[in-house]
N, C-alpha and C. Protein backbone atom coordinates (compact mmCIF):
# COMPACT_ATOMS: atom_id res chain seq x y z
N MET A 1 -12.57 335.23 42.49
CA MET A 1 -12.56 333.85 42.05
C MET A 1 -13.60 333.69 40.94
N SER A 2 -13.17 333.39 39.75
CA SER A 2 -14.10 333.21 38.64
C SER A 2 -14.24 331.73 38.31
N LYS A 3 -15.42 331.40 37.85
CA LYS A 3 -15.67 330.00 37.49
C LYS A 3 -15.22 329.76 36.06
N LYS A 4 -14.56 328.67 35.86
CA LYS A 4 -14.10 328.31 34.54
C LYS A 4 -14.98 327.18 34.01
N SER A 5 -15.48 327.32 32.80
CA SER A 5 -16.32 326.27 32.23
C SER A 5 -15.45 325.09 31.83
N ALA A 6 -16.05 323.92 31.87
CA ALA A 6 -15.34 322.71 31.52
C ALA A 6 -15.09 322.65 30.03
N ASP A 7 -13.94 322.14 29.67
CA ASP A 7 -13.63 321.96 28.26
C ASP A 7 -14.45 320.80 27.72
N LEU A 8 -15.05 321.00 26.56
CA LEU A 8 -15.86 319.96 25.94
C LEU A 8 -15.08 319.29 24.84
N SER A 9 -15.02 317.98 24.90
CA SER A 9 -14.38 317.25 23.83
C SER A 9 -15.44 316.90 22.78
N ALA A 10 -15.00 316.56 21.60
CA ALA A 10 -15.93 316.25 20.51
C ALA A 10 -16.82 315.06 20.86
N GLY A 11 -16.35 314.14 21.69
CA GLY A 11 -17.13 312.97 22.08
C GLY A 11 -18.26 313.28 23.04
N LEU A 12 -18.22 314.43 23.69
CA LEU A 12 -19.25 314.79 24.65
C LEU A 12 -20.35 315.66 24.06
N VAL A 13 -20.16 316.17 22.88
CA VAL A 13 -21.13 317.07 22.27
C VAL A 13 -22.16 316.24 21.50
N ALA A 14 -23.43 316.45 21.82
CA ALA A 14 -24.51 315.71 21.16
C ALA A 14 -24.86 316.38 19.83
N VAL A 15 -25.10 315.56 18.85
CA VAL A 15 -25.52 316.04 17.53
C VAL A 15 -26.91 315.48 17.28
N LYS A 16 -27.86 316.36 17.00
CA LYS A 16 -29.24 315.93 16.82
C LYS A 16 -29.35 314.92 15.67
N GLY A 17 -30.03 313.82 15.96
CA GLY A 17 -30.25 312.80 14.95
C GLY A 17 -29.14 311.78 14.83
N ALA A 18 -28.07 311.95 15.61
CA ALA A 18 -26.94 311.02 15.50
C ALA A 18 -26.83 310.09 16.70
N ALA A 19 -27.86 310.04 17.53
CA ALA A 19 -27.81 309.19 18.73
C ALA A 19 -27.93 307.72 18.35
N VAL A 20 -27.13 306.90 19.00
CA VAL A 20 -27.18 305.45 18.81
C VAL A 20 -27.07 304.81 20.19
N PRO A 21 -27.68 303.63 20.38
CA PRO A 21 -27.54 302.96 21.68
C PRO A 21 -26.12 302.43 21.85
N PRO A 22 -25.70 302.28 23.08
CA PRO A 22 -24.36 301.73 23.30
C PRO A 22 -24.27 300.31 22.75
N PRO A 23 -23.08 299.91 22.30
CA PRO A 23 -22.95 298.59 21.68
C PRO A 23 -23.25 297.43 22.63
N ASP A 24 -23.10 297.63 23.94
CA ASP A 24 -23.34 296.53 24.87
C ASP A 24 -24.76 296.50 25.41
N MET A 25 -25.65 297.32 24.87
CA MET A 25 -27.04 297.36 25.34
C MET A 25 -27.81 296.15 24.83
N PRO A 26 -28.52 295.42 25.73
CA PRO A 26 -29.28 294.26 25.27
C PRO A 26 -30.47 294.69 24.42
N THR A 27 -30.82 293.85 23.46
CA THR A 27 -31.95 294.15 22.59
C THR A 27 -33.21 293.51 23.15
N ARG A 28 -34.35 294.01 22.71
CA ARG A 28 -35.62 293.43 23.11
C ARG A 28 -35.87 292.17 22.31
N ALA A 29 -36.49 291.19 22.96
CA ALA A 29 -36.84 289.96 22.26
C ALA A 29 -38.06 290.23 21.40
N ALA A 30 -38.05 289.72 20.19
CA ALA A 30 -39.18 289.90 19.30
C ALA A 30 -40.36 289.09 19.81
N PRO A 31 -41.58 289.67 19.82
CA PRO A 31 -42.74 288.91 20.30
C PRO A 31 -43.08 287.77 19.36
N VAL A 32 -43.55 286.69 19.92
CA VAL A 32 -43.94 285.52 19.14
C VAL A 32 -45.38 285.74 18.67
N LEU A 33 -45.59 285.69 17.36
CA LEU A 33 -46.92 285.92 16.82
C LEU A 33 -47.84 284.78 17.22
N GLY A 34 -49.04 285.14 17.68
CA GLY A 34 -50.03 284.14 18.06
C GLY A 34 -49.87 283.63 19.47
N ALA A 35 -48.86 284.10 20.19
CA ALA A 35 -48.65 283.65 21.56
C ALA A 35 -49.65 284.32 22.48
N VAL A 36 -50.18 283.56 23.40
CA VAL A 36 -51.12 284.09 24.39
C VAL A 36 -50.36 284.29 25.69
N PRO A 37 -50.36 285.53 26.23
CA PRO A 37 -49.62 285.77 27.47
C PRO A 37 -50.18 284.96 28.62
N LYS A 38 -49.30 284.56 29.54
CA LYS A 38 -49.72 283.80 30.70
C LYS A 38 -50.33 284.75 31.73
N PRO A 39 -51.52 284.43 32.23
CA PRO A 39 -52.12 285.28 33.26
C PRO A 39 -51.38 285.14 34.57
N SER A 40 -51.41 286.21 35.35
CA SER A 40 -50.74 286.15 36.65
C SER A 40 -51.60 285.32 37.62
N ALA A 41 -50.99 284.85 38.69
CA ALA A 41 -51.69 284.01 39.66
C ALA A 41 -52.74 284.81 40.42
N GLU A 42 -52.50 286.10 40.64
CA GLU A 42 -53.44 286.88 41.43
C GLU A 42 -54.67 287.33 40.65
N LEU A 43 -54.58 287.45 39.34
CA LEU A 43 -55.71 287.87 38.52
C LEU A 43 -55.95 286.83 37.43
N PRO A 44 -56.79 285.84 37.68
CA PRO A 44 -57.01 284.81 36.66
C PRO A 44 -57.76 285.39 35.45
N VAL A 45 -57.31 285.01 34.29
CA VAL A 45 -57.93 285.44 33.05
C VAL A 45 -58.16 284.20 32.23
N SER A 46 -59.41 283.99 31.79
CA SER A 46 -59.72 282.77 31.07
C SER A 46 -59.10 282.77 29.68
N LYS A 47 -59.12 283.91 28.99
CA LYS A 47 -58.61 283.92 27.63
C LYS A 47 -58.18 285.33 27.27
N LEU A 48 -56.94 285.48 26.89
CA LEU A 48 -56.44 286.76 26.40
C LEU A 48 -56.01 286.57 24.96
N THR A 49 -56.69 287.23 24.05
CA THR A 49 -56.31 287.15 22.66
C THR A 49 -56.20 288.55 22.11
N LYS A 50 -55.34 288.71 21.18
CA LYS A 50 -55.18 290.01 20.53
C LYS A 50 -55.93 289.98 19.21
N ALA A 51 -56.79 290.94 19.03
CA ALA A 51 -57.51 291.05 17.77
C ALA A 51 -56.59 291.68 16.75
N PRO A 52 -56.73 291.30 15.47
CA PRO A 52 -55.89 291.93 14.46
C PRO A 52 -56.22 293.42 14.37
N PRO A 53 -55.21 294.24 14.14
CA PRO A 53 -55.48 295.67 14.07
C PRO A 53 -56.37 296.00 12.88
N THR A 54 -57.27 296.90 13.08
CA THR A 54 -58.16 297.34 12.01
C THR A 54 -57.85 298.78 11.70
N ALA A 55 -58.38 299.26 10.60
CA ALA A 55 -58.16 300.66 10.23
C ALA A 55 -58.72 301.58 11.30
N LYS A 56 -59.86 301.21 11.88
CA LYS A 56 -60.47 302.03 12.92
C LYS A 56 -59.59 302.06 14.17
N ALA A 57 -58.99 300.93 14.52
CA ALA A 57 -58.13 300.87 15.70
C ALA A 57 -56.86 301.69 15.50
N GLU A 58 -56.31 301.66 14.30
CA GLU A 58 -55.08 302.40 14.03
C GLU A 58 -55.32 303.90 14.04
N ASN A 59 -56.45 304.33 13.54
CA ASN A 59 -56.78 305.75 13.49
C ASN A 59 -57.92 306.04 14.46
N GLY A 60 -57.82 305.50 15.66
CA GLY A 60 -58.90 305.59 16.63
C GLY A 60 -59.14 307.00 17.14
N GLU A 61 -60.25 307.13 17.81
CA GLU A 61 -60.64 308.39 18.43
C GLU A 61 -60.10 308.43 19.86
N PRO A 62 -59.71 309.60 20.34
CA PRO A 62 -59.25 309.69 21.73
C PRO A 62 -60.39 309.48 22.72
N LEU A 63 -60.07 308.86 23.83
CA LEU A 63 -61.04 308.62 24.90
C LEU A 63 -60.37 309.11 26.18
N ASN A 64 -60.86 310.21 26.72
CA ASN A 64 -60.20 310.83 27.87
C ASN A 64 -61.11 310.82 29.09
N PHE A 65 -60.59 310.32 30.19
CA PHE A 65 -61.29 310.36 31.46
C PHE A 65 -60.26 310.20 32.57
N ARG A 66 -60.65 310.57 33.77
CA ARG A 66 -59.74 310.52 34.91
C ARG A 66 -60.03 309.28 35.76
N VAL A 67 -58.94 308.69 36.27
CA VAL A 67 -59.03 307.56 37.19
C VAL A 67 -58.07 307.84 38.34
N SER A 68 -58.22 307.07 39.41
CA SER A 68 -57.33 307.26 40.55
C SER A 68 -55.92 306.81 40.19
N ALA A 69 -54.95 307.33 40.91
CA ALA A 69 -53.55 306.98 40.65
C ALA A 69 -53.31 305.49 40.87
N ALA A 70 -53.96 304.91 41.88
CA ALA A 70 -53.79 303.48 42.16
C ALA A 70 -54.35 302.63 41.02
N PHE A 71 -55.54 303.01 40.51
CA PHE A 71 -56.13 302.26 39.39
C PHE A 71 -55.25 302.37 38.16
N ARG A 72 -54.76 303.56 37.88
CA ARG A 72 -53.90 303.78 36.71
C ARG A 72 -52.65 302.90 36.81
N ARG A 73 -52.02 302.87 37.98
CA ARG A 73 -50.81 302.06 38.19
C ARG A 73 -51.13 300.58 38.00
N ASP A 74 -52.24 300.10 38.59
CA ASP A 74 -52.62 298.69 38.46
C ASP A 74 -52.94 298.33 37.01
N PHE A 75 -53.66 299.21 36.32
CA PHE A 75 -54.05 298.98 34.93
C PHE A 75 -52.80 298.87 34.05
N LYS A 76 -51.89 299.82 34.19
CA LYS A 76 -50.68 299.83 33.39
C LYS A 76 -49.78 298.64 33.72
N THR A 77 -49.70 298.28 35.00
CA THR A 77 -48.89 297.14 35.42
C THR A 77 -49.44 295.86 34.84
N TYR A 78 -50.77 295.67 34.91
CA TYR A 78 -51.40 294.47 34.37
C TYR A 78 -51.16 294.39 32.86
N ALA A 79 -51.34 295.51 32.16
CA ALA A 79 -51.14 295.51 30.71
C ALA A 79 -49.69 295.15 30.36
N ALA A 80 -48.75 295.73 31.07
CA ALA A 80 -47.34 295.45 30.79
C ALA A 80 -46.99 294.00 31.11
N THR A 81 -47.52 293.48 32.22
CA THR A 81 -47.25 292.10 32.61
C THR A 81 -47.77 291.11 31.57
N HIS A 82 -48.88 291.44 30.94
CA HIS A 82 -49.49 290.54 29.96
C HIS A 82 -49.20 290.96 28.52
N ASP A 83 -48.23 291.85 28.35
CA ASP A 83 -47.81 292.29 27.01
C ASP A 83 -48.98 292.80 26.18
N LEU A 84 -49.80 293.64 26.80
CA LEU A 84 -50.93 294.24 26.11
C LEU A 84 -50.74 295.75 26.06
N LYS A 85 -51.25 296.36 25.01
CA LYS A 85 -51.30 297.82 24.97
C LYS A 85 -52.48 298.24 25.84
N LEU A 86 -52.43 299.47 26.32
CA LEU A 86 -53.50 299.94 27.21
C LEU A 86 -54.86 299.91 26.52
N ASN A 87 -54.91 300.32 25.25
CA ASN A 87 -56.20 300.32 24.56
C ASN A 87 -56.69 298.89 24.30
N GLU A 88 -55.77 297.94 24.12
CA GLU A 88 -56.18 296.54 23.96
C GLU A 88 -56.79 296.00 25.24
N LEU A 89 -56.16 296.31 26.38
CA LEU A 89 -56.70 295.87 27.67
C LEU A 89 -58.06 296.49 27.94
N LEU A 90 -58.21 297.76 27.61
CA LEU A 90 -59.51 298.42 27.80
C LEU A 90 -60.57 297.78 26.92
N ARG A 91 -60.23 297.49 25.66
CA ARG A 91 -61.19 296.86 24.76
C ARG A 91 -61.57 295.47 25.24
N LEU A 92 -60.57 294.67 25.66
CA LEU A 92 -60.84 293.32 26.17
C LEU A 92 -61.71 293.38 27.43
N SER A 93 -61.42 294.34 28.30
CA SER A 93 -62.19 294.49 29.53
C SER A 93 -63.64 294.83 29.22
N PHE A 94 -63.84 295.75 28.29
CA PHE A 94 -65.19 296.17 27.92
C PHE A 94 -65.95 295.01 27.28
N GLU A 95 -65.28 294.25 26.40
CA GLU A 95 -65.93 293.10 25.78
C GLU A 95 -66.33 292.06 26.82
N ALA A 96 -65.47 291.79 27.79
CA ALA A 96 -65.78 290.83 28.87
C ALA A 96 -66.94 291.33 29.71
N TYR A 97 -66.98 292.62 29.99
CA TYR A 97 -68.07 293.20 30.78
C TYR A 97 -69.39 293.05 30.03
N ARG A 98 -69.38 293.32 28.73
CA ARG A 98 -70.62 293.20 27.94
C ARG A 98 -71.08 291.74 27.88
N ARG A 99 -70.14 290.79 27.74
CA ARG A 99 -70.52 289.38 27.73
C ARG A 99 -71.13 288.99 29.09
N GLN A 100 -70.54 289.48 30.16
CA GLN A 100 -71.02 289.15 31.50
C GLN A 100 -72.42 289.70 31.74
N LYS A 101 -72.68 290.89 31.23
CA LYS A 101 -73.99 291.52 31.42
C LYS A 101 -75.00 291.08 30.37
N GLY A 102 -74.56 290.32 29.38
CA GLY A 102 -75.47 289.82 28.37
C GLY A 102 -75.95 290.89 27.41
N ASN A 103 -75.11 291.82 27.12
CA ASN A 103 -75.50 292.92 26.23
C ASN A 103 -74.52 293.03 25.10
């Protein structure tokens, strides 16, 4: 008993660089400029603002450290819920910490 390979039709063969989303796929809503995301009820945030990107932020330096899986999940979930990039949330958190400590 020999195995026979399936016949491939032209519609099933992928061509690199020719991928397109299906026509019925919903598109993402464009973000509203200047909109401040609503904080969740469980984590009150007094003010969330996005700073304009700077040349330093665009070509930033890597910052690598390890955190627990639970913290990573919570951090990423909070950032996604409030429409923030991870580095923006880290920067906002650090700025709030420095203001709180008076430094």
